[in-house]
Protein backbone atom coordinates (compact mmCIF):
# COMPACT_ATOMS: atom_id res chain seq x y z
CA MET A 1 3.72 23.45 -10.67
CA SER A 2 5.64 24.69 -13.42
CA ALA A 3 6.92 22.03 -16.33
CA GLU A 4 9.97 24.64 -16.81
CA LEU A 5 11.03 24.40 -13.26
CA LYS A 6 10.80 20.28 -13.45
CA SER A 7 12.70 20.56 -16.82
CA ILE A 8 15.42 22.93 -15.21
CA PHE A 9 15.34 20.17 -11.94
CA ILE A 10 15.95 17.08 -14.35
CA GLU A 11 18.67 18.50 -16.54
CA TYR A 12 20.78 19.98 -13.28
CA ALA A 13 20.13 16.20 -11.35
CA ASP A 14 21.60 14.72 -14.50
CA ARG A 15 24.40 17.52 -14.70
CA VAL A 16 25.40 16.38 -10.86
CA SER A 17 25.18 12.51 -11.83
CA SER A 18 27.05 12.57 -14.59
CA LEU A 19 30.32 13.58 -11.88
CA SER A 20 29.36 10.58 -10.09
CA GLN A 21 31.59 8.60 -11.32
CA ARG A 22 34.51 11.37 -10.63
CA VAL A 23 33.69 10.52 -6.84
CA ALA A 24 34.02 7.12 -7.18
CA ILE A 25 37.21 6.81 -7.66
CA LEU A 26 38.02 9.33 -5.14
CA PRO A 27 40.34 7.80 -1.90
CA ASP A 28 38.41 10.03 0.18
CA LYS A 29 34.86 10.80 -1.04
CA LYS A 30 33.52 13.21 1.95
CA ARG A 31 36.31 15.17 1.60
CA HIS A 32 36.17 16.23 -1.74
CA ILE A 33 32.38 16.28 -2.49
CA SER A 34 32.28 19.90 -0.69
CA ASP A 35 34.74 21.26 -3.17
CA LEU A 36 32.77 19.51 -6.08
CA VAL A 37 29.32 20.69 -5.52
CA GLN A 38 30.90 24.01 -5.41
CA ASP A 39 32.51 24.01 -8.90
CA ILE A 40 29.22 22.22 -9.73
CA GLU A 41 27.15 25.13 -8.32
CA LYS A 42 29.26 27.91 -10.39
CA GLY A 43 27.99 26.22 -13.66
CA PRO A 44 25.62 27.36 -15.99
CA GLU A 45 22.91 24.90 -14.45
CA PHE A 46 22.82 25.29 -11.56
CA HIS A 47 22.26 29.65 -12.22
CA LYS A 48 19.12 28.29 -14.30
CA LEU A 49 17.36 26.33 -11.39
CA VAL A 50 18.14 29.20 -9.14
CA LEU A 51 16.50 31.43 -11.05
CA ALA A 52 13.93 29.17 -11.69
CA THR A 53 13.23 28.77 -8.33
CA ARG A 54 12.73 32.44 -7.31
CA ASP A 55 10.23 32.66 -10.30
CA GLU A 56 8.23 30.02 -8.83
CA PHE A 57 8.28 30.58 -5.19
CA GLY A 58 9.56 34.01 -4.64
CA HIS A 59 7.16 36.94 -3.89
CA THR A 60 7.85 40.47 -4.87
CA GLY A 61 9.86 41.60 -2.12
CA ASN A 62 12.65 39.40 -2.87
CA ARG A 63 12.46 38.22 -6.34
CA ARG A 64 15.57 40.51 -7.28
CA ASN A 65 17.39 39.21 -4.28
CA GLU A 66 19.47 36.46 -6.06
CA SER A 67 22.32 35.86 -3.97
CA ALA A 68 19.67 34.66 -0.70
CA TRP A 69 18.38 32.75 -3.78
CA ARG A 70 21.57 30.78 -4.35
CA ARG A 71 22.40 30.47 -0.83
CA ALA A 72 18.57 28.93 -0.34
CA VAL A 73 18.79 26.62 -3.36
CA GLY A 74 22.32 25.17 -2.41
CA ASN A 75 21.19 24.52 1.61
CA VAL A 76 18.12 22.47 0.18
CA LEU A 77 20.05 20.48 -2.06
CA ARG A 78 23.21 19.34 0.13
CA ARG A 79 21.20 19.37 3.92
CA SER A 80 18.09 17.02 1.49
CA GLY A 81 20.66 14.32 0.90
CA PHE A 82 20.38 15.49 -2.31
CA TYR A 83 24.41 15.77 -3.40
CA ILE A 84 25.16 12.91 -1.17
CA TYR A 85 22.74 10.72 -2.83
CA ILE A 86 23.45 11.11 -6.02
CA LEU A 87 27.64 11.38 -5.92
CA GLU A 88 28.47 9.62 -2.95
CA LYS A 89 25.92 6.40 -3.13
CA ASN A 90 24.67 6.71 -7.11
CA LEU A 91 21.07 6.57 -6.38
CA HIS A 92 19.50 8.69 -8.83
CA ASP A 93 15.49 9.43 -9.52
CA PRO A 94 15.19 12.36 -10.36
CA SER A 95 10.98 12.49 -10.26
CA GLU A 96 11.16 11.66 -6.98
CA GLU A 97 14.02 14.32 -5.78
CA PHE A 98 11.80 16.69 -7.87
CA GLU A 99 8.94 16.06 -5.54
CA LYS A 100 10.82 16.48 -2.48
CA TYR A 101 12.58 19.58 -3.93
CA VAL A 102 9.55 21.39 -4.58
CA HIS A 103 8.27 20.01 -0.60
CA VAL A 104 10.41 22.35 0.52
CA PHE A 105 9.49 25.50 -0.87
CA LYS A 106 5.70 24.75 -0.67
CA SER A 107 5.34 23.61 2.53
CA PRO A 108 4.40 26.74 5.01
CA LYS A 109 4.14 24.25 7.83
CA LYS A 110 8.28 23.54 9.34
CA LYS A 111 9.30 21.96 12.74
CA ILE A 112 11.96 22.72 14.94
CA SER A 113 14.01 20.00 17.37
CA TYR A 114 15.33 20.88 20.63
CA LEU A 115 17.72 17.86 21.92
CA GLY A 116 18.57 19.65 25.92
CA LEU A 117 21.43 16.63 26.96
CA LEU A 118 20.66 15.87 30.52
CA GLU A 119 24.05 15.60 32.25
CA TYR A 120 24.89 13.40 35.46
CA VAL A 121 21.35 11.59 35.23
CA SER A 122 20.45 7.96 33.72
CA PHE A 123 17.25 6.61 34.07
CA GLU A 124 16.45 2.54 33.70
CA GLN A 125 14.55 2.89 30.49
CA ASP A 126 15.57 4.70 27.45
CA ASP A 127 12.26 6.02 26.25
CA ILE A 128 10.03 8.12 28.39
CA ASP A 129 6.97 9.99 26.83
CA PHE A 130 5.73 13.00 28.29
CA GLY A 131 2.98 13.66 25.75
CA ASN A 132 4.72 16.95 24.13
CA PHE A 133 8.13 15.98 25.19
CA GLN A 134 10.30 13.21 25.20
CA ILE A 135 13.27 12.06 27.80
CA LYS A 136 15.64 9.57 26.01
CA ARG A 137 18.65 8.31 24.82
CA PHE A 138 19.05 7.86 21.21
CA SER A 139 20.83 5.33 19.44
CA ARG A 140 24.08 6.63 17.29
CA ASP A 141 22.22 6.02 14.19
CA ASP A 142 18.77 7.94 15.45
CA LEU A 143 21.13 10.91 16.13
CA ASP A 144 22.82 11.26 13.19
CA SER A 145 19.69 11.20 11.53
CA ILE A 146 18.10 13.69 13.58
CA LEU A 147 21.14 15.69 13.25
CA GLY A 148 21.96 15.29 10.09
CA ASN A 149 25.40 14.89 10.99
CA SER A 150 26.77 12.66 8.13
CA ILE A 151 26.04 15.73 5.69
CA ASN A 152 26.72 18.49 8.69
CA GLU A 153 30.09 16.81 8.51
CA ILE A 154 30.82 17.42 4.98
CA PHE A 155 29.09 20.73 4.40
CA TYR A 156 28.60 22.51 7.59
CA PRO A 157 31.68 21.77 9.60
CA TRP A 158 30.69 23.89 12.72
CA ALA A 159 27.33 22.49 12.97
CA ALA A 160 28.47 18.85 13.22
CA VAL A 161 28.58 16.76 16.53
CA ASP A 162 30.89 14.12 17.37
CA LEU A 163 28.96 11.28 18.21
CA ASN A 164 31.07 9.72 19.97
CA GLN A 165 30.92 12.23 22.95
CA ILE A 166 26.86 12.04 23.64
CA GLU A 167 25.52 8.54 22.12
CA ASP A 168 25.46 7.80 25.71
CA TYR A 169 23.68 10.70 27.44
CA TRP A 170 19.78 11.06 27.57
CA PHE A 171 18.19 13.87 25.98
CA ILE A 172 15.00 16.22 26.48
CA TYR A 173 13.27 16.41 22.98
CA LEU A 174 10.87 18.01 21.73
CA GLN A 175 9.35 19.22 18.30
CA GLN A 176 7.44 22.32 17.84
CA SER A 177 5.65 23.50 14.18
CA ILE A 178 5.97 26.51 13.19
CA GLN A 179 4.27 28.39 10.24
CA VAL A 180 6.58 30.24 7.73
CA LYS A 181 4.73 32.77 5.53
CA LYS A 182 7.58 33.62 3.67
CA ILE A 183 10.60 31.53 2.30
CA ILE A 184 12.87 34.35 1.65
CA PRO A 185 12.76 37.67 3.26
CA SER A 186 12.50 40.85 2.08
CA THR A 187 15.94 43.01 1.49
CA LYS A 188 14.11 46.25 2.43
CA VAL A 189 14.06 47.38 5.81
CA ASP A 190 11.49 50.11 7.22
CA TYR A 191 13.45 51.93 9.62
CA THR A 192 10.08 53.24 10.71
CA LYS A 193 9.17 50.11 12.55
CA ILE A 194 11.86 49.90 14.46
CA PHE A 195 11.71 53.05 16.67
CA SER A 196 8.19 53.76 15.93
CA ASP A 197 7.89 52.64 20.04
CA ASP A 198 10.39 52.78 22.98
CA SER A 199 10.78 48.83 22.73
CA TYR A 200 14.73 49.46 22.01
CA SER A 201 15.25 51.08 25.49
CA ARG A 202 12.42 49.14 27.81
CA VAL A 203 13.94 46.17 29.75
CA GLU A 204 11.74 43.48 29.48
CA MET A 205 9.83 42.97 32.77
CA THR A 206 9.44 38.68 31.86
CA TYR A 207 11.90 37.04 34.05
CA THR A 208 14.61 34.00 31.73
CA PRO A 209 15.97 31.80 34.26
CA ARG A 210 18.54 30.57 31.92
CA PRO A 211 19.15 31.44 28.06
CA PHE A 212 17.32 27.84 27.15
CA PRO A 213 15.14 28.12 24.21
CA GLU A 214 11.92 29.21 24.99
CA PRO A 215 9.58 25.57 24.10
CA LEU A 216 12.07 24.16 26.36
CA GLU A 217 12.02 26.28 29.34
CA SER A 218 8.27 24.69 29.91
CA VAL A 219 9.30 21.68 30.12
CA ILE A 220 12.42 21.57 32.37
CA LYS A 221 9.77 23.36 35.27
CA PRO A 222 8.27 19.84 35.95
CA LEU A 223 11.54 18.15 35.36
CA VAL A 224 13.24 21.14 38.45
CA LEU A 225 10.17 20.33 40.70
CA PHE A 226 11.29 16.46 41.24
CA ASP A 227 13.46 15.80 44.44
CA TRP A 228 16.85 14.94 42.80
CA GLN A 229 19.54 13.46 44.82
CA THR A 230 22.89 12.24 43.75
CA ASP A 231 23.24 8.38 44.39
CA TYR A 232 25.74 8.93 46.97
CA TRP A 233 23.35 11.19 49.38
CA ARG A 234 20.21 9.33 48.23
CA GLY A 235 19.98 7.11 52.26
CA GLY A 236 19.87 10.80 54.12
CA PRO A 237 22.42 12.10 57.22
CA ALA A 238 23.34 9.78 59.46
CA ASP A 239 24.12 12.32 62.02
CA GLU A 240 24.40 16.11 63.23
CA LYS A 241 28.29 16.19 61.65
CA GLU A 242 26.98 14.49 58.41
CA GLU A 243 24.04 16.81 58.11
CA LYS A 244 26.46 19.75 57.59
CA ALA A 245 28.16 17.53 54.87
CA THR A 246 25.25 16.50 52.64
CA GLY A 247 23.98 18.88 50.37
CA TRP A 248 22.17 18.29 47.43
CA MET A 249 22.30 17.52 43.33
CA GLY A 250 20.46 17.76 39.77
CA PHE A 251 20.91 17.24 36.51
CA ASN A 252 22.65 19.82 34.42
CA ILE A 253 21.76 21.37 30.62
CA PRO A 254 24.99 22.24 29.34
CA PHE A 255 23.91 22.83 25.99
CA VAL A 256 20.72 22.05 23.56
CA LEU A 257 21.06 21.11 19.65
CA LYS A 258 18.57 22.58 17.43
CA VAL A 259 17.62 21.32 14.42
CA THR A 260 14.80 22.60 12.12
CA ASP A 261 13.61 20.72 8.48
CA ILE A 262 13.60 24.83 6.95
CA LEU A 263 16.34 23.22 4.77
CA TYR A 264 16.65 26.40 2.58
CA GLU A 265 18.41 27.62 6.01
CA PRO A 266 22.19 26.28 7.01
CA SER A 267 22.54 23.86 9.76
CA PHE A 268 22.82 25.69 12.96
CA PRO A 269 26.53 25.91 14.70
CA ALA A 270 26.85 23.26 17.38
CA PRO A 271 28.22 23.33 20.72
CA SER A 272 31.26 21.47 21.99
CA PRO A 273 30.76 18.89 23.91
CA GLU A 274 33.96 19.11 25.18
CA LYS A 275 32.70 20.51 28.43
CA LEU A 276 31.18 17.92 29.51
CA ASP A 277 32.37 16.03 32.82
CA LYS A 278 33.82 12.63 32.03
CA THR A 279 35.14 9.41 33.85
CA ILE A 280 37.23 6.67 33.42
CA GLU A 281 34.91 3.36 32.52
CA ARG A 282 37.65 1.54 31.83
CA VAL A 283 41.42 0.59 31.18
CA THR A 284 41.73 -1.58 28.14
CA GLU A 285 44.80 -4.59 27.73
CA ASN A 286 46.96 -1.72 26.55
CA GLY A 287 46.84 0.82 28.70
CA GLU A 288 44.31 3.01 26.91
CA GLU A 289 41.93 5.02 28.84
CA ILE A 290 38.15 4.81 27.76
CA TRP A 291 36.12 7.93 29.06
CA GLY A 292 32.85 7.87 29.50
CA PRO A 293 29.76 9.98 31.17
CA GLU A 294 29.54 10.78 34.56
CA PHE A 295 26.21 9.99 36.31
CA HIS A 296 26.18 10.76 39.75
CA ILE A 297 21.76 10.50 39.60
CA SER A 298 21.50 6.68 38.45
CA LEU A 299 17.30 6.06 38.93
CA ASP A 300 16.56 2.53 39.03
CA LYS A 301 13.54 0.89 37.84
CA GLN A 302 11.30 2.04 40.90
CA GLU A 303 13.05 5.28 40.65
CA THR A 304 12.60 5.77 37.80
CA GLU A 305 8.77 5.29 37.74
CA SER A 306 8.32 7.62 40.74
CA PHE A 307 10.51 10.07 38.43
CA ILE A 308 7.59 9.41 35.59
CA THR A 309 4.66 9.87 37.89
CA VAL A 310 5.66 12.99 39.47
CA VAL A 311 6.80 14.62 36.27
CA LYS A 312 3.55 13.77 34.48
CA ARG A 313 1.67 14.75 37.26
CA THR A 314 3.54 17.84 37.40
CA HIS A 315 3.49 18.72 34.12
CA GLU A 316 -0.19 18.19 33.36
CA ASN A 317 -1.01 20.25 36.35
CA LEU A 318 1.34 23.53 34.82
CA GLN A 319 -0.57 22.87 31.56
CA LYS A 320 -4.31 23.24 33.55
CA LEU A 321 -3.12 26.72 35.49
CA ASP A 322 -4.53 29.44 33.69
CA LEU A 323 -1.99 32.17 34.84
CA GLU A 324 -3.53 34.82 32.45
CA LYS A 325 -6.75 34.17 33.81
CA SER A 326 -6.26 34.37 36.96
CA GLY A 327 -3.71 37.03 37.27
CA TRP A 328 -0.96 34.80 39.59
CA HIS A 329 1.74 35.57 37.64
CA PHE A 330 3.70 35.36 41.26
CA PHE A 331 3.73 32.18 40.96
CA ASN A 332 5.42 31.77 37.68
CA ASN A 333 7.79 34.61 39.19
CA ALA A 334 8.82 32.73 41.82
CA PHE A 335 8.78 29.45 39.57
CA ASP A 336 11.55 31.01 37.72
CA MET A 337 13.49 31.93 40.40
CA LEU A 338 13.44 28.03 41.21
CA VAL A 339 14.92 27.19 37.82
CA LYS A 340 17.71 30.07 37.71
CA ALA A 341 18.38 28.72 41.22
CA PHE A 342 18.39 24.44 39.87
CA PHE A 343 21.19 25.70 37.83
CA THR A 344 23.64 27.77 39.57
CA GLY A 345 25.85 26.59 42.69
CA GLY A 346 27.02 28.29 46.01
CA LEU A 347 25.55 31.25 47.41
CA GLU A 348 23.68 32.40 44.56
CA GLN A 349 21.57 29.45 44.35
CA LEU A 350 20.52 29.79 48.04
CA LEU A 351 19.84 33.71 47.36
CA TRP A 352 17.89 32.31 44.79
CA HIS A 353 15.79 29.68 46.47
CA ILE A 354 15.29 32.17 49.36
CA THR A 355 14.07 35.15 46.47
CA ALA A 356 11.55 32.49 45.09
CA ILE A 357 10.08 31.49 48.38
CA ASP A 358 10.09 35.47 49.09
CA ALA A 359 7.94 35.73 45.74
CA LEU A 360 5.15 33.99 46.95
CA LEU A 361 5.01 34.29 50.55
CA GLY A 362 6.63 37.62 50.93
CA GLU A 363 5.19 40.74 51.82
CA ARG A 364 6.14 44.55 52.36
CA GLY A 365 6.04 45.65 56.29
CA GLY A 366 8.34 44.59 59.20
CA GLY A 367 8.54 41.03 60.55
CA LEU A 368 9.42 39.20 57.58
CA THR A 369 11.25 36.65 59.07
CA LYS A 370 8.34 35.38 61.21
CA LYS A 371 5.94 36.15 58.41
CA LEU A 372 7.81 33.65 55.89
CA SER A 373 8.28 31.04 58.61
CA ARG A 374 4.60 30.90 60.22
CA ARG A 375 3.58 30.34 56.53
CA ILE A 376 5.97 27.76 55.47
CA ALA A 377 5.29 26.33 58.51
CA PHE A 378 1.33 26.35 57.91
CA ILE A 379 2.11 24.96 54.44
CA LEU A 380 4.48 22.37 55.11
CA GLY A 381 4.56 21.04 58.61
CA GLU A 382 0.99 18.61 59.10
CA THR A 383 1.39 18.49 63.67
CA GLU A 384 1.77 21.56 65.29
CA GLN A 385 5.10 20.03 66.38
CA LYS A 386 6.33 19.93 63.04
CA GLN A 387 5.50 23.48 62.58
CA LYS A 388 7.48 24.87 64.94
CA GLU A 389 10.37 22.62 63.68
CA LEU A 390 10.12 23.88 60.72
CA GLN A 391 9.52 27.23 61.88
CA SER A 392 12.71 27.25 63.86
CA ARG A 393 14.76 25.86 60.69
CA PHE A 394 13.34 28.57 58.62
CA GLU A 395 13.73 31.06 60.99
CA LYS A 396 17.57 30.06 61.21
CA LEU A 397 17.86 30.00 57.88
CA TYR A 398 16.29 33.05 56.83
CA ASN A 399 18.46 34.93 59.28
CA PHE A 400 21.35 33.65 58.01
CA ARG A 401 20.41 34.80 54.87
CA SER A 402 20.37 38.13 55.98
CA ALA A 403 23.41 38.35 57.57
CA LEU A 404 25.49 36.97 54.09
CA VAL A 405 23.33 39.64 52.41
CA HIS A 406 23.58 42.52 54.66
CA GLY A 407 27.65 41.75 55.19
CA LYS A 408 27.69 40.67 58.13
CA ILE A 409 29.02 37.48 57.20
CA ASP A 410 31.99 37.00 55.33
CA SER A 411 31.98 33.74 53.33
CA LYS A 412 36.34 34.01 53.38
CA GLU A 413 36.61 33.96 57.41
CA SER A 414 38.28 31.88 58.99
CA LYS A 415 37.28 28.36 59.79
CA ASP A 416 37.14 28.61 63.87
CA LYS A 417 34.29 30.70 63.28
CA GLN A 418 32.22 27.84 63.04
CA LYS A 419 28.42 29.05 63.23
CA ASN A 420 29.44 31.46 60.19
CA ARG A 421 30.27 29.12 57.67
CA VAL A 422 28.52 28.31 54.62
CA TYR A 423 27.51 24.49 54.99
CA ILE A 424 25.86 22.45 51.55
CA SER A 425 23.61 21.99 54.24
CA HIS A 426 22.17 25.43 53.48
CA LEU A 427 21.78 24.60 50.12
CA ARG A 428 20.13 21.63 50.41
CA GLU A 429 17.60 23.47 52.74
CA ALA A 430 16.87 26.07 50.57
CA ARG A 431 16.02 23.86 47.83
CA ASP A 432 13.83 21.63 50.08
CA PHE A 433 11.81 24.66 51.12
CA ALA A 434 11.56 26.19 48.07
CA ARG A 435 10.66 23.29 46.02
CA GLN A 436 8.06 22.06 48.23
CA THR A 437 6.25 25.31 48.84
CA ILE A 438 6.22 25.54 45.10
CA VAL A 439 4.77 22.12 44.88
CA TRP A 440 2.17 22.84 47.25
CA PHE A 441 0.79 26.34 45.83
CA LEU A 442 0.28 24.37 42.16
CA GLU A 443 -1.98 22.29 44.26
CA PHE A 444 -3.54 24.97 46.22
CA LEU A 445 -4.00 27.14 43.27
CA LEU A 446 -5.34 24.96 41.14
CA LYS A 447 -8.27 23.98 43.59
CA ILE A 448 -9.07 27.89 43.68
CA GLN A 449 -8.89 27.19 40.12
CA ASP A 450 -11.00 24.15 39.88
CA GLY A 451 -13.88 25.17 42.53
CA ILE A 452 -14.20 28.73 41.28
CA SER A 453 -14.35 27.23 37.36
CA GLN A 454 -17.19 24.75 38.33
CA SER A 455 -19.39 27.19 40.33
CA GLN A 456 -22.68 28.95 39.50
CA GLY A 457 -21.89 32.31 40.43
CA ASN A 458 -19.82 35.35 38.92
CA ILE A 459 -16.61 34.82 41.37
CA GLU A 460 -13.34 36.41 40.92
CA PHE A 461 -10.01 34.91 41.46
CA PRO A 462 -8.62 35.99 44.65
CA LYS A 463 -5.21 38.85 44.51
CA ARG A 464 -2.01 37.26 46.19
CA ASP A 465 -2.46 39.40 48.86
CA LEU A 466 -5.96 37.35 49.92
CA LEU A 467 -4.61 34.54 49.71
CA LEU A 468 -1.46 35.29 52.14
CA LYS A 469 -4.33 36.31 55.00
CA LEU A 470 -6.03 33.00 54.34
CA LEU A 471 -2.37 31.20 55.11
CA ASP A 472 -2.32 33.37 58.09
CA MET A 473 -5.76 32.10 59.57
CA ASP A 474 -5.40 28.72 61.89
CA ALA A 475 -8.72 26.47 61.41
CA THR A 476 -10.28 28.08 64.53
CA GLU A 477 -10.21 31.97 62.46
CA ARG A 478 -11.36 30.38 59.17
CA SER A 479 -14.41 28.60 60.77
CA GLN A 480 -15.20 31.85 62.66
CA LEU A 481 -14.76 33.64 59.68
CA LYS A 482 -17.25 31.16 57.67
CA THR A 483 -19.72 31.50 60.47
CA LEU A 484 -19.82 35.47 60.57
CA LEU A 485 -20.14 35.75 56.08
CA GLN A 486 -23.40 33.54 56.64
CA ILE A 487 -24.55 35.73 58.69
CA LEU A 488 -23.71 39.51 57.80
CA PRO A 489 -25.68 40.70 55.07
CA PRO A 490 -24.43 40.63 51.36
CA ASP A 491 -23.73 44.48 51.55
CA PHE A 492 -21.49 44.51 54.86
CA PRO A 493 -20.32 47.13 56.07
CA HIS A 494 -23.44 48.83 55.24
CA LEU A 495 -25.73 47.39 57.91
CA LEU A 496 -28.69 50.63 58.84
CA GLY A 497 -31.85 49.72 58.18
CA LYS A 498 -31.20 46.04 58.16
């Protein structure tokens, strides 16, 4: 490493340290540090540090971009705590600070952390580890450290979060490692690459259920597949009247906090926690109302353990399933629609759940309602009586959905037309059918995948239409087909001369 860069860095650190006494006598140190830093960075010492850093770590495409390097160096000194340690805490070890400074620019490996706030749900445990992600309730100090909140309050106020508003919640927490090839991108733009294909006019085929960061989407799926229910409805309906008034409820992710250790970039803007639903926890002797999170789903010890077991198994199974090799992309499409339904409400939720089922079990042609209901009953019904019941229930639900889509039901009809009204029980029933069908399909596809991988022969993965034909057969038909396949020659239907 250049001795010149180290000398210039220490010179700048000494310059900053010389101003720490001025900060010490200010009544509101934090409020004035940002202004003081801006003044320091106008001086010749900072300019020399910027040029020396650019010459040491820059590449041919960006060495002239001095303004970008000024921002990068300033961000590193702010976000690393360099200015705070010296100006506010009066800590000063130039050699150690230089090593940290150099590491930021040298290391190609960077880390992005995601914290998805879980609204409406609480667990018996504060820290649940699922391997590559966690569900965790952080201490206030941990949140401040991970988010760099104290630093953001001074230098990046748009990125600061009111920790009082979020410290009582659980978060989905995961980290993603990335490789950074270039520190500062080149200012040159190759327009021939931008317009070299039709990408600007194409619509992506991949369906995104919600604008969650991509790494978060994969860990949300096993959570969505858990059988969520609010505490109030956990016991189930007592009678037919209560059945119509029994819905379902899951968690919500109102926002995701994103933090990166790419310190030469500014902090990400923070969402406002004011959108969170709150409830009055208590009233003080002075009449002050103390507000806290609304927890509609409070999982006790046994329920939390059940949740952990289900999510771990589902997460592991989803990681095992090779959709690229098998070509079973219909399963991923259906799962995306289930996630979409999970985070929507009302009629839209009903339609997305039915669409998820259709993506798994539907096909072109007439008699779709009968086919869907028969296949769902076959999958979920353990007895013939149960299958008849499930088939009847799904047919009613699907016919209701069809009448709604085709305008035969007006969602604003008068109350006297009770049979045409949309009840929250419709939403619960659609959710149950879709969720249980996807749970079953995940196990079904894994069984086939495992069998193919363990077989000695060259067996191809069956297409979706073949899987549906298998579902349409009863036990007798499957047994007869197995016998026939053993009797007939391998090159069937060619029989002459055999």
